Each structure stands twice: as C-alpha cells, then as structure tokens.
N, C-alpha and C. Protein backbone atom coordinates (compact mmCIF):
# COMPACT_ATOMS: atom_id res chain seq x y z
N UNK A 1 -4.69 9.10 -32.59
CA UNK A 1 -3.86 8.31 -31.72
C UNK A 1 -3.96 8.86 -30.29
N UNK A 2 -4.06 7.97 -29.30
CA UNK A 2 -4.16 8.39 -27.91
C UNK A 2 -2.81 8.82 -27.39
N UNK A 3 -2.82 9.86 -26.57
CA UNK A 3 -1.59 10.27 -25.89
C UNK A 3 -1.38 9.37 -24.68
N UNK A 4 -0.13 9.06 -24.40
CA UNK A 4 0.20 8.25 -23.23
C UNK A 4 0.52 9.20 -22.08
N UNK A 5 -0.26 9.07 -21.00
CA UNK A 5 -0.05 9.89 -19.81
C UNK A 5 0.40 8.95 -18.70
N UNK A 6 1.46 9.35 -18.01
CA UNK A 6 1.97 8.49 -16.95
C UNK A 6 0.90 8.29 -15.88
N UNK A 7 0.98 7.16 -15.21
CA UNK A 7 -0.02 6.80 -14.23
C UNK A 7 -0.06 7.79 -13.07
N UNK A 8 1.10 8.31 -12.66
CA UNK A 8 1.15 9.25 -11.54
C UNK A 8 0.44 10.56 -11.86
N UNK A 9 0.42 10.93 -13.13
CA UNK A 9 -0.19 12.21 -13.51
C UNK A 9 -1.69 12.08 -13.79
N UNK A 10 -2.19 10.88 -13.83
CA UNK A 10 -3.61 10.69 -14.07
C UNK A 10 -4.40 10.98 -12.80
N UNK A 11 -5.69 11.21 -12.96
CA UNK A 11 -6.54 11.47 -11.80
C UNK A 11 -6.67 10.19 -10.97
N UNK A 12 -7.10 10.35 -9.73
CA UNK A 12 -7.26 9.21 -8.83
C UNK A 12 -8.28 8.22 -9.41
N UNK A 13 -9.33 8.73 -10.01
CA UNK A 13 -10.35 7.86 -10.59
C UNK A 13 -9.77 7.05 -11.75
N UNK A 14 -8.97 7.69 -12.59
CA UNK A 14 -8.36 6.99 -13.72
C UNK A 14 -7.36 5.94 -13.23
N UNK A 15 -6.60 6.28 -12.18
CA UNK A 15 -5.66 5.31 -11.61
C UNK A 15 -6.42 4.10 -11.06
N UNK A 16 -7.53 4.38 -10.38
CA UNK A 16 -8.33 3.31 -9.80
C UNK A 16 -8.89 2.40 -10.89
N UNK A 17 -9.41 2.97 -11.97
CA UNK A 17 -9.94 2.17 -13.07
C UNK A 17 -8.84 1.33 -13.71
N UNK A 18 -7.64 1.90 -13.85
CA UNK A 18 -6.51 1.17 -14.42
C UNK A 18 -6.16 -0.04 -13.54
N UNK A 19 -6.03 0.20 -12.24
CA UNK A 19 -5.66 -0.88 -11.33
C UNK A 19 -6.75 -1.94 -11.25
N UNK A 20 -8.01 -1.54 -11.28
CA UNK A 20 -9.11 -2.51 -11.25
C UNK A 20 -9.10 -3.38 -12.50
N UNK A 21 -8.73 -2.80 -13.64
CA UNK A 21 -8.70 -3.58 -14.88
C UNK A 21 -7.56 -4.59 -14.86
N UNK A 22 -6.47 -4.28 -14.17
CA UNK A 22 -5.31 -5.17 -14.10
C UNK A 22 -5.46 -6.27 -13.05
N UNK A 23 -6.32 -6.03 -12.08
CA UNK A 23 -6.46 -6.95 -10.96
C UNK A 23 -7.28 -8.16 -11.39
N UNK A 24 -6.82 -9.33 -11.02
CA UNK A 24 -7.54 -10.56 -11.38
C UNK A 24 -8.52 -10.95 -10.30
N UNK A 25 -9.21 -12.04 -10.53
CA UNK A 25 -10.14 -12.52 -9.51
C UNK A 25 -9.70 -13.91 -9.05
N UNK A 26 -10.10 -14.28 -7.86
CA UNK A 26 -9.75 -15.58 -7.31
C UNK A 26 -10.67 -16.67 -7.86
N UNK A 27 -11.80 -16.28 -8.43
CA UNK A 27 -12.72 -17.27 -8.98
C UNK A 27 -13.33 -18.12 -7.89
N UNK A 28 -13.20 -19.43 -8.00
CA UNK A 28 -13.79 -20.37 -7.05
C UNK A 28 -12.90 -20.61 -5.84
N UNK A 29 -11.68 -20.11 -5.86
CA UNK A 29 -10.72 -20.38 -4.79
C UNK A 29 -10.92 -19.40 -3.65
N UNK A 30 -10.96 -19.91 -2.42
CA UNK A 30 -11.04 -19.06 -1.24
C UNK A 30 -9.64 -18.97 -0.65
N UNK A 31 -8.98 -17.80 -0.71
CA UNK A 31 -7.60 -17.69 -0.25
C UNK A 31 -7.45 -17.91 1.25
N UNK A 32 -8.50 -17.70 2.02
CA UNK A 32 -8.41 -17.88 3.47
C UNK A 32 -8.25 -19.35 3.82
N UNK A 33 -8.87 -20.22 3.05
CA UNK A 33 -8.80 -21.64 3.35
C UNK A 33 -7.46 -22.26 2.99
N UNK A 34 -6.57 -21.50 2.38
CA UNK A 34 -5.28 -22.02 1.93
C UNK A 34 -4.17 -21.83 2.96
N UNK A 35 -4.51 -21.40 4.17
CA UNK A 35 -3.49 -21.19 5.19
C UNK A 35 -3.05 -22.53 5.78
N UNK A 36 -1.79 -22.61 6.20
CA UNK A 36 -1.24 -23.82 6.79
C UNK A 36 -1.05 -23.57 8.28
N UNK A 37 -1.59 -24.46 9.09
CA UNK A 37 -1.47 -24.29 10.54
C UNK A 37 -0.06 -24.61 10.99
N UNK A 38 0.41 -23.86 11.98
CA UNK A 38 1.73 -24.09 12.54
C UNK A 38 1.67 -25.30 13.47
N UNK A 39 2.71 -26.13 13.43
CA UNK A 39 2.76 -27.30 14.30
C UNK A 39 3.13 -26.90 15.74
N UNK A 40 3.63 -25.69 15.91
CA UNK A 40 4.04 -25.25 17.24
C UNK A 40 2.87 -24.79 18.10
N UNK A 41 1.77 -24.43 17.46
CA UNK A 41 0.62 -23.91 18.18
C UNK A 41 -0.15 -25.05 18.83
N UNK A 42 -0.60 -24.85 20.06
CA UNK A 42 -1.36 -25.88 20.79
C UNK A 42 -2.71 -26.07 20.11
N UNK A 43 -3.04 -27.31 19.80
CA UNK A 43 -4.32 -27.63 19.19
C UNK A 43 -4.84 -28.91 19.84
N UNK A 44 -5.93 -28.79 20.59
CA UNK A 44 -6.47 -29.93 21.32
C UNK A 44 -6.97 -31.02 20.37
N UNK A 45 -7.51 -30.64 19.21
CA UNK A 45 -8.03 -31.62 18.26
C UNK A 45 -6.91 -32.49 17.69
N UNK A 46 -5.74 -31.92 17.49
CA UNK A 46 -4.63 -32.66 16.91
C UNK A 46 -4.06 -33.67 17.90
N UNK A 47 -4.14 -33.34 19.19
CA UNK A 47 -3.62 -34.25 20.21
C UNK A 47 -4.53 -35.48 20.30
N UNK A 48 -3.92 -36.64 20.25
CA UNK A 48 -4.70 -37.87 20.32
C UNK A 48 -4.27 -38.68 21.53
N UNK A 49 -4.47 -39.96 21.42
CA UNK A 49 -4.02 -40.85 22.48
C UNK A 49 -2.50 -40.91 22.45
N UNK A 50 -1.87 -41.19 23.58
CA UNK A 50 -0.40 -41.28 23.60
C UNK A 50 0.10 -42.34 22.62
N UNK A 51 1.10 -42.01 21.84
CA UNK A 51 1.65 -42.93 20.86
C UNK A 51 1.05 -42.78 19.49
N UNK A 52 -0.04 -42.02 19.34
CA UNK A 52 -0.67 -41.80 18.04
C UNK A 52 -0.28 -40.43 17.52
N UNK A 53 -0.07 -40.32 16.21
CA UNK A 53 0.12 -39.03 15.57
C UNK A 53 -0.06 -39.13 14.11
C-alpha cells in the first residue's frame, strides 16, 4: 500500500507532476478569442453613419 504524503512535503518535481496531471486542456477552444470588448472604449470600426448602430 502506498503511503500518503502531503503535497507540501513532496519535492518540487513531484508537486509539478501532480499539478500537471490535474490540469486540463482547452482543446480546440482559444481562450483569447473569448474576450468581450467594452462598449466604453473608442472603436472606429464600430462607429457608422449617424443614426446607425
């Protein structure tokens, strides 16, 4: 039976391997493209003809 050693007492390498095993992947999703632009920021492309929005 394996002994349970707390994470803080493990070596840095063992901690790193543990955290890497727990970390998931984004797969096909790009997290950068999921940002929402603020409406308060000036954006020339968003500005159209007067009366359009």
